[in-house]
C-alpha atoms as a PDB file:
ATOM      1  CA  UNK A   1       0.000   0.000   0.000  1.00  0.00           C
ATOM      2  CA  UNK A   2       2.779   2.423   0.872  1.00  0.00           C
ATOM      3  CA  UNK A   3       4.591   1.615  -2.382  1.00  0.00           C
ATOM      4  CA  UNK A   4       1.417   2.441  -4.312  1.00  0.00           C
ATOM      5  CA  UNK A   5       1.125   5.770  -2.509  1.00  0.00           C
ATOM      6  CA  UNK A   6       4.756   6.632  -3.275  1.00  0.00           C
ATOM      7  CA  UNK A   7       4.341   5.720  -6.941  1.00  0.00           C
ATOM      8  CA  UNK A   8       1.173   7.795  -7.329  1.00  0.00           C
ATOM      9  CA  UNK A   9       2.696  10.834  -5.647  1.00  0.00           C
ATOM     10  CA  UNK A  10       5.769  10.538  -7.857  1.00  0.00           C
ATOM     11  CA  UNK A  11       3.660  11.060 -10.980  1.00  0.00           C
ATOM     12  CA  UNK A  12       3.035  14.670  -9.994  1.00  0.00           C
ATOM     13  CA  UNK A  13      -0.626  14.310 -10.976  1.00  0.00           C
ATOM     14  CA  UNK A  14      -3.568  14.633  -8.573  1.00  0.00           C
ATOM     15  CA  UNK A  15      -5.062  11.193  -7.876  1.00  0.00           C
ATOM     16  CA  UNK A  16      -7.483   9.700  -5.416  1.00  0.00           C
ATOM     17  CA  UNK A  17      -6.114   6.491  -3.919  1.00  0.00           C
ATOM     18  CA  UNK A  18      -9.068   4.299  -2.951  1.00  0.00           C
ATOM     19  CA  UNK A  19      -7.550   1.469  -0.943  1.00  0.00           C
ATOM     20  CA  UNK A  20      -9.243  -1.905  -0.458  1.00  0.00           C
ATOM     21  CA  UNK A  21      -8.266  -4.774   1.809  1.00  0.00           C
ATOM     22  CA  UNK A  22     -11.948  -5.358   2.733  1.00  0.00           C
ATOM     23  CA  UNK A  23     -11.591  -4.012   6.272  1.00  0.00           C
ATOM     24  CA  UNK A  24      -9.682  -7.067   7.440  1.00  0.00           C
ATOM     25  CA  UNK A  25      -6.937  -5.175   9.267  1.00  0.00           C
ATOM     26  CA  UNK A  26      -9.028  -2.271  10.571  1.00  0.00           C
ATOM     27  CA  UNK A  27      -7.728   0.126   7.902  1.00  0.00           C
ATOM     28  CA  UNK A  28      -9.510   3.113   9.430  1.00  0.00           C
ATOM     29  CA  UNK A  29      -6.796   3.117  12.095  1.00  0.00           C
ATOM     30  CA  UNK A  30      -3.935   3.516   9.603  1.00  0.00           C
ATOM     31  CA  UNK A  31      -5.421   4.181   6.179  1.00  0.00           C
ATOM     32  CA  UNK A  32      -5.058   7.949   6.485  1.00  0.00           C
ATOM     33  CA  UNK A  33      -1.280   7.544   6.270  1.00  0.00           C
ATOM     34  CA  UNK A  34      -1.601   5.718   2.965  1.00  0.00           C
ATOM     35  CA  UNK A  35      -4.774   6.468   1.016  1.00  0.00           C
ATOM     36  CA  UNK A  36      -7.672   8.865   0.472  1.00  0.00           C
ATOM     37  CA  UNK A  37     -10.285   6.244   1.282  1.00  0.00           C
ATOM     38  CA  UNK A  38     -10.283   2.730   2.648  1.00  0.00           C
ATOM     39  CA  UNK A  39     -12.871   0.007   2.452  1.00  0.00           C
ATOM     40  CA  UNK A  40     -14.268  -0.768   5.889  1.00  0.00           C
ATOM     41  CA  UNK A  41     -16.153  -3.862   4.750  1.00  0.00           C
ATOM     42  CA  UNK A  42     -16.399  -6.841   2.471  1.00  0.00           C
ATOM     43  CA  UNK A  43     -17.967  -6.335  -0.942  1.00  0.00           C
ATOM     44  CA  UNK A  44     -21.522  -5.067  -1.076  1.00  0.00           C
ATOM     45  CA  UNK A  45     -24.305  -6.895  -2.892  1.00  0.00           C
ATOM     46  CA  UNK A  46     -27.524  -5.449  -4.226  1.00  0.00           C
ATOM     47  CA  UNK A  47     -29.668  -6.679  -1.341  1.00  0.00           C
ATOM     48  CA  UNK A  48     -31.157  -4.930   1.658  1.00  0.00           C
ATOM     49  CA  UNK A  49     -29.644  -7.176   4.324  1.00  0.00           C
ATOM     50  CA  UNK A  50     -26.148  -6.673   2.896  1.00  0.00           C
ATOM     51  CA  UNK A  51     -26.453  -2.902   2.683  1.00  0.00           C
ATOM     52  CA  UNK A  52     -27.560  -2.444   6.296  1.00  0.00           C
ATOM     53  CA  UNK A  53     -24.790  -4.738   7.507  1.00  0.00           C
ATOM     54  CA  UNK A  54     -22.145  -2.651   5.753  1.00  0.00           C
ATOM     55  CA  UNK A  55     -23.513   0.460   7.460  1.00  0.00           C
ATOM     56  CA  UNK A  56     -23.153  -1.327  10.811  1.00  0.00           C
ATOM     57  CA  UNK A  57     -19.602  -2.412  10.010  1.00  0.00           C
ATOM     58  CA  UNK A  58     -18.661   1.188   9.233  1.00  0.00           C
ATOM     59  CA  UNK A  59     -20.392   2.671  12.286  1.00  0.00           C
ATOM     60  CA  UNK A  60     -17.458   2.352  14.747  1.00  0.00           C
ATOM     61  CA  UNK A  61     -14.933   4.245  12.651  1.00  0.00           C
ATOM     62  CA  UNK A  62     -16.376   7.774  12.472  1.00  0.00           C
ATOM     63  CA  UNK A  63     -13.505   9.432  14.346  1.00  0.00           C
ATOM     64  CA  UNK A  64     -10.923   8.156  11.858  1.00  0.00           C
ATOM     65  CA  UNK A  65     -12.403   9.859   8.781  1.00  0.00           C
ATOM     66  CA  UNK A  66     -11.899  13.439   7.687  1.00  0.00           C
ATOM     67  CA  UNK A  67     -10.713  15.681   4.864  1.00  0.00           C
ATOM     68  CA  UNK A  68      -8.332  13.685   2.701  1.00  0.00           C
ATOM     69  CA  UNK A  69      -9.269  10.259   4.090  1.00  0.00           C
ATOM     70  CA  UNK A  70     -12.665   8.587   4.242  1.00  0.00           C
ATOM     71  CA  UNK A  71     -14.357   5.401   5.407  1.00  0.00           C
ATOM     72  CA  UNK A  72     -15.731   3.513   2.399  1.00  0.00           C
ATOM     73  CA  UNK A  73     -18.527   0.932   2.926  1.00  0.00           C
ATOM     74  CA  UNK A  74     -18.428   0.155  -0.819  1.00  0.00           C
ATOM     75  CA  UNK A  75     -20.356   1.480  -3.784  1.00  0.00           C
ATOM     76  CA  UNK A  76     -23.930   2.622  -4.222  1.00  0.00           C
ATOM     77  CA  UNK A  77     -26.216  -0.083  -5.594  1.00  0.00           C
ATOM     78  CA  UNK A  78     -28.913   2.395  -6.591  1.00  0.00           C
ATOM     79  CA  UNK A  79     -30.565   1.383  -9.856  1.00  0.00           C
ATOM     80  CA  UNK A  80     -29.322  -2.194 -10.064  1.00  0.00           C
ATOM     81  CA  UNK A  81     -32.734  -3.658  -9.256  1.00  0.00           C
ATOM     82  CA  UNK A  82     -32.083  -5.828  -6.216  1.00  0.00           C
ATOM     83  CA  UNK A  83     -33.661  -3.375  -3.768  1.00  0.00           C
ATOM     84  CA  UNK A  84     -36.722  -1.151  -3.852  1.00  0.00           C
ATOM     85  CA  UNK A  85     -36.457   2.574  -4.549  1.00  0.00           C
ATOM     86  CA  UNK A  86     -37.236   3.187  -0.873  1.00  0.00           C
ATOM     87  CA  UNK A  87     -34.308   0.984   0.139  1.00  0.00           C
ATOM     88  CA  UNK A  88     -32.060   2.741  -2.361  1.00  0.00           C
ATOM     89  CA  UNK A  89     -33.084   6.068  -0.807  1.00  0.00           C
ATOM     90  CA  UNK A  90     -31.976   4.654   2.535  1.00  0.00           C
ATOM     91  CA  UNK A  91     -28.561   3.803   1.133  1.00  0.00           C
ATOM     92  CA  UNK A  92     -28.097   7.227  -0.435  1.00  0.00           C
ATOM     93  CA  UNK A  93     -29.170   8.848   2.832  1.00  0.00           C
ATOM     94  CA  UNK A  94     -26.866   6.889   5.135  1.00  0.00           C
ATOM     95  CA  UNK A  95     -23.871   6.925   2.779  1.00  0.00           C
ATOM     96  CA  UNK A  96     -24.203  10.713   2.454  1.00  0.00           C
ATOM     97  CA  UNK A  97     -24.375  11.218   6.230  1.00  0.00           C
ATOM     98  CA  UNK A  98     -21.389   8.890   6.715  1.00  0.00           C
ATOM     99  CA  UNK A  99     -19.469  11.117   4.240  1.00  0.00           C
ATOM    100  CA  UNK A 100     -18.684   7.916   2.374  1.00  0.00           C
ATOM    101  CA  UNK A 101     -17.455   8.080  -1.244  1.00  0.00           C
ATOM    102  CA  UNK A 102     -20.561   8.188  -3.466  1.00  0.00           C
ATOM    103  CA  UNK A 103     -19.379   5.758  -6.129  1.00  0.00           C
ATOM    104  CA  UNK A 104     -22.141   4.876  -8.578  1.00  0.00           C
ATOM    105  CA  UNK A 105     -22.321   1.135  -9.144  1.00  0.00           C
ATOM    106  CA  UNK A 106     -25.071   1.039 -11.788  1.00  0.00           C
ATOM    107  CA  UNK A 107     -25.225   1.712 -15.524  1.00  0.00           C
ATOM    108  CA  UNK A 108     -26.303   5.327 -16.023  1.00  0.00           C
ATOM    109  CA  UNK A 109     -27.054   4.677 -19.695  1.00  0.00           C
ATOM    110  CA  UNK A 110     -30.147   2.732 -18.680  1.00  0.00           C
ATOM    111  CA  UNK A 111     -30.931   4.547 -15.416  1.00  0.00           C
ATOM    112  CA  UNK A 112     -34.553   5.429 -14.702  1.00  0.00           C
ATOM    113  CA  UNK A 113     -35.687   8.920 -13.803  1.00  0.00           C
ATOM    114  CA  UNK A 114     -36.088   7.770 -10.200  1.00  0.00           C
ATOM    115  CA  UNK A 115     -32.530   6.431 -10.086  1.00  0.00           C
ATOM    116  CA  UNK A 116     -31.143   9.675 -11.484  1.00  0.00           C
ATOM    117  CA  UNK A 117     -33.180  11.690  -8.973  1.00  0.00           C
ATOM    118  CA  UNK A 118     -31.813   9.636  -6.068  1.00  0.00           C
ATOM    119  CA  UNK A 119     -28.227   9.874  -7.266  1.00  0.00           C
ATOM    120  CA  UNK A 120     -28.392  13.514  -8.272  1.00  0.00           C
ATOM    121  CA  UNK A 121     -30.204  15.236  -5.404  1.00  0.00           C
ATOM    122  CA  UNK A 122     -28.071  18.337  -4.873  1.00  0.00           C
ATOM    123  CA  UNK A 123     -29.085  18.830  -1.232  1.00  0.00           C
ATOM    124  CA  UNK A 124     -28.161  15.257  -0.322  1.00  0.00           C
ATOM    125  CA  UNK A 125     -24.826  15.519  -2.120  1.00  0.00           C
ATOM    126  CA  UNK A 126     -24.154  18.822  -0.338  1.00  0.00           C
ATOM    127  CA  UNK A 127     -24.383  17.007   3.016  1.00  0.00           C
ATOM    128  CA  UNK A 128     -21.872  14.438   1.822  1.00  0.00           C
ATOM    129  CA  UNK A 129     -19.536  17.132   0.498  1.00  0.00           C
ATOM    130  CA  UNK A 130     -19.907  19.644   3.332  1.00  0.00           C
ATOM    131  CA  UNK A 131     -16.652  21.469   3.992  1.00  0.00           C
ATOM    132  CA  UNK A 132     -16.592  20.601   7.702  1.00  0.00           C
ATOM    133  CA  UNK A 133     -15.634  17.066   6.713  1.00  0.00           C
ATOM    134  CA  UNK A 134     -16.811  15.256   9.852  1.00  0.00           C
ATOM    135  CA  UNK A 135     -18.181  11.761   9.303  1.00  0.00           C
ATOM    136  CA  UNK A 136     -21.685  10.902  10.420  1.00  0.00           C
ATOM    137  CA  UNK A 137     -22.433   8.296  13.027  1.00  0.00           C
ATOM    138  CA  UNK A 138     -25.246   6.445  14.770  1.00  0.00           C
ATOM    139  CA  UNK A 139     -26.423   8.623  17.664  1.00  0.00           C
ATOM    140  CA  UNK A 140     -29.679   7.110  18.925  1.00  0.00           C
ATOM    141  CA  UNK A 141     -31.469   3.745  18.955  1.00  0.00           C
ATOM    142  CA  UNK A 142     -35.164   4.075  19.682  1.00  0.00           C
ATOM    143  CA  UNK A 143     -37.802   1.908  21.388  1.00  0.00           C
ATOM    144  CA  UNK A 144     -39.776  -0.224  20.880  1.00  0.00           C
ATOM    145  CA  UNK A 145     -37.201  -1.761  18.499  1.00  0.00           C
ATOM    146  CA  UNK A 146     -33.838  -0.075  19.093  1.00  0.00           C
ATOM    147  CA  UNK A 147     -32.022  -2.386  16.682  1.00  0.00           C
ATOM    148  CA  UNK A 148     -34.264  -1.202  13.849  1.00  0.00           C
ATOM    149  CA  UNK A 149     -35.278   2.382  14.669  1.00  0.00           C
ATOM    150  CA  UNK A 150     -32.197   4.533  14.406  1.00  0.00           C
ATOM    151  CA  UNK A 151     -31.031   8.143  14.230  1.00  0.00           C
ATOM    152  CA  UNK A 152     -27.783   8.887  12.410  1.00  0.00           C
ATOM    153  CA  UNK A 153     -26.289  12.364  12.368  1.00  0.00           C
ATOM    154  CA  UNK A 154     -23.371  14.439  11.121  1.00  0.00           C
ATOM    155  CA  UNK A 155     -22.300  17.976  11.968  1.00  0.00           C
ATOM    156  CA  UNK A 156     -22.202  20.417   9.075  1.00  0.00           C
ATOM    157  CA  UNK A 157     -20.461  23.757   8.664  1.00  0.00           C
ATOM    158  CA  UNK A 158     -21.823  26.844  10.433  1.00  0.00           C
ATOM    159  CA  UNK A 159     -23.231  24.810  13.313  1.00  0.00           C
ATOM    160  CA  UNK A 160     -25.807  22.889  11.311  1.00  0.00           C
ATOM    161  CA  UNK A 161     -26.628  19.207  11.736  1.00  0.00           C
ATOM    162  CA  UNK A 162     -27.779  16.562   9.251  1.00  0.00           C
ATOM    163  CA  UNK A 163     -30.094  14.003  10.863  1.00  0.00           C
ATOM    164  CA  UNK A 164     -31.259  10.763   9.245  1.00  0.00           C
ATOM    165  CA  UNK A 165     -34.132   8.840  10.829  1.00  0.00           C
ATOM    166  CA  UNK A 166     -33.839   5.266   9.539  1.00  0.00           C
ATOM    167  CA  UNK A 167     -36.453   2.536   9.894  1.00  0.00           C
ATOM    168  CA  UNK A 168     -34.790  -0.827   9.321  1.00  0.00           C
ATOM    169  CA  UNK A 169     -37.855  -2.687  10.588  1.00  0.00           C
ATOM    170  CA  UNK A 170     -40.893  -4.082   8.801  1.00  0.00           C
ATOM    171  CA  UNK A 171     -43.534  -1.726  10.234  1.00  0.00           C
ATOM    172  CA  UNK A 172     -44.100   2.010   9.874  1.00  0.00           C
ATOM    173  CA  UNK A 173     -42.873   3.754  13.015  1.00  0.00           C
ATOM    174  CA  UNK A 174     -42.367   7.149  14.595  1.00  0.00           C
ATOM    175  CA  UNK A 175     -38.670   7.828  15.158  1.00  0.00           C
ATOM    176  CA  UNK A 176     -37.272  10.737  17.107  1.00  0.00           C
ATOM    177  CA  UNK A 177     -33.831  12.141  17.697  1.00  0.00           C
ATOM    178  CA  UNK A 178     -33.147  14.259  20.754  1.00  0.00           C
ATOM    179  CA  UNK A 179     -31.126  17.424  20.321  1.00  0.00           C
ATOM    180  CA  UNK A 180     -28.818  16.406  23.162  1.00  0.00           C
ATOM    181  CA  UNK A 181     -27.640  13.528  20.956  1.00  0.00           C
ATOM    182  CA  UNK A 182     -26.672  15.881  18.138  1.00  0.00           C
ATOM    183  CA  UNK A 183     -24.710  18.254  20.373  1.00  0.00           C
ATOM    184  CA  UNK A 184     -27.479  20.855  20.590  1.00  0.00           C
ATOM    185  CA  UNK A 185     -28.896  22.223  23.817  1.00  0.00           C
ATOM    186  CA  UNK A 186     -32.414  20.862  24.494  1.00  0.00           C
ATOM    187  CA  UNK A 187     -33.765  24.422  24.570  1.00  0.00           C
ATOM    188  CA  UNK A 188     -32.429  25.180  21.085  1.00  0.00           C
ATOM    189  CA  UNK A 189     -34.944  26.250  18.461  1.00  0.00           C
ATOM    190  CA  UNK A 190     -33.880  24.955  15.068  1.00  0.00           C
ATOM    191  CA  UNK A 191     -35.112  25.519  11.550  1.00  0.00           C
ATOM    192  CA  UNK A 192     -35.863  22.159   9.909  1.00  0.00           C
ATOM    193  CA  UNK A 193     -35.263  21.416   6.238  1.00  0.00           C
ATOM    194  CA  UNK A 194     -36.683  18.210   4.774  1.00  0.00           C
ATOM    195  CA  UNK A 195     -33.898  17.281   2.375  1.00  0.00           C
ATOM    196  CA  UNK A 196     -35.545  14.671   0.159  1.00  0.00           C
ATOM    197  CA  UNK A 197     -38.718  16.704  -0.258  1.00  0.00           C
ATOM    198  CA  UNK A 198     -36.877  20.014  -0.562  1.00  0.00           C
ATOM    199  CA  UNK A 199     -39.143  21.916   1.822  1.00  0.00           C
ATOM    200  CA  UNK A 200     -38.837  23.852   5.068  1.00  0.00           C
ATOM    201  CA  UNK A 201     -40.823  22.415   7.968  1.00  0.00           C
ATOM    202  CA  UNK A 202     -41.930  23.956  11.247  1.00  0.00           C
ATOM    203  CA  UNK A 203     -39.160  24.805  13.706  1.00  0.00           C
ATOM    204  CA  UNK A 204     -38.258  22.126  16.234  1.00  0.00           C
ATOM    205  CA  UNK A 205     -37.200  22.411  19.875  1.00  0.00           C
ATOM    206  CA  UNK A 206     -35.497  19.673  21.866  1.00  0.00           C
ATOM    207  CA  UNK A 207     -36.056  16.888  19.359  1.00  0.00           C
ATOM    208  CA  UNK A 208     -37.091  16.055  15.816  1.00  0.00           C
ATOM    209  CA  UNK A 209     -39.666  13.370  15.049  1.00  0.00           C
ATOM    210  CA  UNK A 210     -40.921  11.779  11.838  1.00  0.00           C
ATOM    211  CA  UNK A 211     -43.086   8.874  10.754  1.00  0.00           C
ATOM    212  CA  UNK A 212     -40.911   6.569   8.669  1.00  0.00           C
ATOM    213  CA  UNK A 213     -42.070   3.717   6.454  1.00  0.00           C
ATOM    214  CA  UNK A 214     -40.372   0.295   6.585  1.00  0.00           C
ATOM    215  CA  UNK A 215     -36.840   0.291   5.130  1.00  0.00           C
ATOM    216  CA  UNK A 216     -37.063   4.039   4.453  1.00  0.00           C
ATOM    217  CA  UNK A 217     -35.072   6.976   5.802  1.00  0.00           C
ATOM    218  CA  UNK A 218     -35.993  10.619   6.316  1.00  0.00           C
ATOM    219  CA  UNK A 219     -33.225  13.211   6.085  1.00  0.00           C
ATOM    220  CA  UNK A 220     -33.230  16.650   7.674  1.00  0.00           C
ATOM    221  CA  UNK A 221     -30.877  19.583   8.176  1.00  0.00           C
ATOM    222  CA  UNK A 222     -31.228  21.451  11.470  1.00  0.00           C
ATOM    223  CA  UNK A 223     -30.094  25.071  11.653  1.00  0.00           C
ATOM    224  CA  UNK A 224     -30.165  26.540  15.191  1.00  0.00           C
ATOM    225  CA  UNK A 225     -31.897  29.906  15.388  1.00  0.00           C
ATOM    226  CA  UNK A 226     -31.144  30.888  18.962  1.00  0.00           C
ATOM    227  CA  UNK A 227     -27.413  30.277  19.419  1.00  0.00           C
ATOM    228  CA  UNK A 228     -24.347  32.214  18.215  1.00  0.00           C
ATOM    229  CA  UNK A 229     -23.609  29.422  15.759  1.00  0.00           C
ATOM    230  CA  UNK A 230     -26.684  30.436  13.771  1.00  0.00           C
ATOM    231  CA  UNK A 231     -25.633  34.081  13.404  1.00  0.00           C
ATOM    232  CA  UNK A 232     -23.732  35.632  10.521  1.00  0.00           C
ATOM    233  CA  UNK A 233     -19.969  35.216  10.946  1.00  0.00           C
ATOM    234  CA  UNK A 234     -18.080  38.338   9.910  1.00  0.00           C
ATOM    235  CA  UNK A 235     -15.166  36.769   8.064  1.00  0.00           C
ATOM    236  CA  UNK A 236     -14.014  33.505   6.515  1.00  0.00           C
ATOM    237  CA  UNK A 237     -11.316  33.256   9.177  1.00  0.00           C
ATOM    238  CA  UNK A 238     -13.946  33.468  11.922  1.00  0.00           C
ATOM    239  CA  UNK A 239     -15.998  30.821  10.131  1.00  0.00           C
ATOM    240  CA  UNK A 240     -13.026  28.457  10.067  1.00  0.00           C
ATOM    241  CA  UNK A 241     -12.365  28.945  13.780  1.00  0.00           C
ATOM    242  CA  UNK A 242     -16.015  28.375  14.582  1.00  0.00           C
ATOM    243  CA  UNK A 243     -16.177  25.257  12.406  1.00  0.00           C
ATOM    244  CA  UNK A 244     -13.107  23.763  14.085  1.00  0.00           C
ATOM    245  CA  UNK A 245     -14.691  24.232  17.505  1.00  0.00           C
ATOM    246  CA  UNK A 246     -17.990  22.787  16.304  1.00  0.00           C
ATOM    247  CA  UNK A 247     -16.240  19.739  14.822  1.00  0.00           C
ATOM    248  CA  UNK A 248     -14.278  19.189  18.041  1.00  0.00           C
ATOM    249  CA  UNK A 249     -17.525  18.879  20.014  1.00  0.00           C
ATOM    250  CA  UNK A 250     -18.320  15.748  18.004  1.00  0.00           C
ATOM    251  CA  UNK A 251     -15.043  13.993  18.698  1.00  0.00           C
ATOM    252  CA  UNK A 252     -15.826  10.628  20.289  1.00  0.00           C
ATOM    253  CA  UNK A 253     -19.574  11.308  20.191  1.00  0.00           C
ATOM    254  CA  UNK A 254     -21.598   8.426  18.764  1.00  0.00           C
ATOM    255  CA  UNK A 255     -22.585   4.788  19.166  1.00  0.00           C
ATOM    256  CA  UNK A 256     -19.719   2.516  18.164  1.00  0.00           C
ATOM    257  CA  UNK A 257     -21.452  -0.824  18.791  1.00  0.00           C
ATOM    258  CA  UNK A 258     -24.961  -0.803  17.273  1.00  0.00           C
ATOM    259  CA  UNK A 259     -27.496  -3.002  19.001  1.00  0.00           C
ATOM    260  CA  UNK A 260     -28.137  -4.690  15.675  1.00  0.00           C
ATOM    261  CA  UNK A 261     -24.566  -6.055  15.831  1.00  0.00           C
ATOM    262  CA  UNK A 262     -24.991  -7.160  19.441  1.00  0.00           C
ATOM    263  CA  UNK A 263     -28.164  -9.054  18.544  1.00  0.00           C
ATOM    264  CA  UNK A 264     -26.267 -10.991  15.907  1.00  0.00           C
ATOM    265  CA  UNK A 265     -23.992 -12.285  18.665  1.00  0.00           C
ATOM    266  CA  UNK A 266     -27.008 -13.282  20.738  1.00  0.00           C
ATOM    267  CA  UNK A 267     -28.388 -15.203  17.774  1.00  0.00           C
ATOM    268  CA  UNK A 268     -25.104 -17.053  17.482  1.00  0.00           C
ATOM    269  CA  UNK A 269     -23.882 -15.345  14.323  1.00  0.00           C
ATOM    270  CA  UNK A 270     -20.398 -13.941  13.859  1.00  0.00           C
ATOM    271  CA  UNK A 271     -20.511 -10.134  13.520  1.00  0.00           C
ATOM    272  CA  UNK A 272     -17.643 -10.288  11.020  1.00  0.00           C
ATOM    273  CA  UNK A 273     -19.385 -12.697   8.667  1.00  0.00           C
ATOM    274  CA  UNK A 274     -23.097 -12.268   9.356  1.00  0.00           C
ATOM    275  CA  UNK A 275     -23.436  -9.845   6.438  1.00  0.00           C
ATOM    276  CA  UNK A 276     -23.400 -12.923   4.219  1.00  0.00           C
ATOM    277  CA  UNK A 277     -26.641 -14.232   5.756  1.00  0.00           C
ATOM    278  CA  UNK A 278     -30.041 -12.898   4.736  1.00  0.00           C
ATOM    279  CA  UNK A 279     -31.473 -14.313   7.985  1.00  0.00           C
ATOM    280  CA  UNK A 280     -29.357 -11.926  10.062  1.00  0.00           C
ATOM    281  CA  UNK A 281     -31.625  -8.970   9.308  1.00  0.00           C
ATOM    282  CA  UNK A 282     -35.055 -10.571   9.105  1.00  0.00           C
END
């Protein structure tokens, strides 16, 4: 891997080195010294149970990603036909919040209008490409099924937060995310933007809640109205200082061992190989 990095740098041309050893040696811990991205998982397949498992496998490594080096749970399967459009929206949502490389794995020459809309949503891509460069992470697991009802979140520049409410279960459910779990004071009043629908919703205080269909995900951007972080920053230098402080508040903040992984152990399945079993996520 190091030899490849040296060779690429010697060309004098800008390249992105996407490293893959399938996550076997915990590359998040050392990949930043070698590559621009590193696979955290085995290969994806175009099936729901495989996609959610790769999200779980990537969940622990949020603190190791950042500008110049990213966790990669493998490519987007959107448009290949093995999942529903709702499930593909879930993948695009979670991969964008994770700040994972958005590598299209389908043939755009035959892509449907729905596939192109999922892959090309500018607001979703903006979350993935936000200049703060802090990876998203699982922040809340909700009753009555905490292994299936999840909130994932990522800080964005200027004190904003992207929040994904993900229903991995088989029944429609209300999912909430408390502000305290996204580093906002419970008394904060935040503007709410519904990313997939492209509309502003009513302000929220203390938490955000949405009704989410099975295997679907809702994606929101919260912009605090009543804290200094929401005010206009006078200069670019001030913005950079503020962003660094905001990013630092998220260091170490997140759930590194999802309950869905723990339940696999209870069921007698190996967390490192259970992604290969459809039964693991029924």
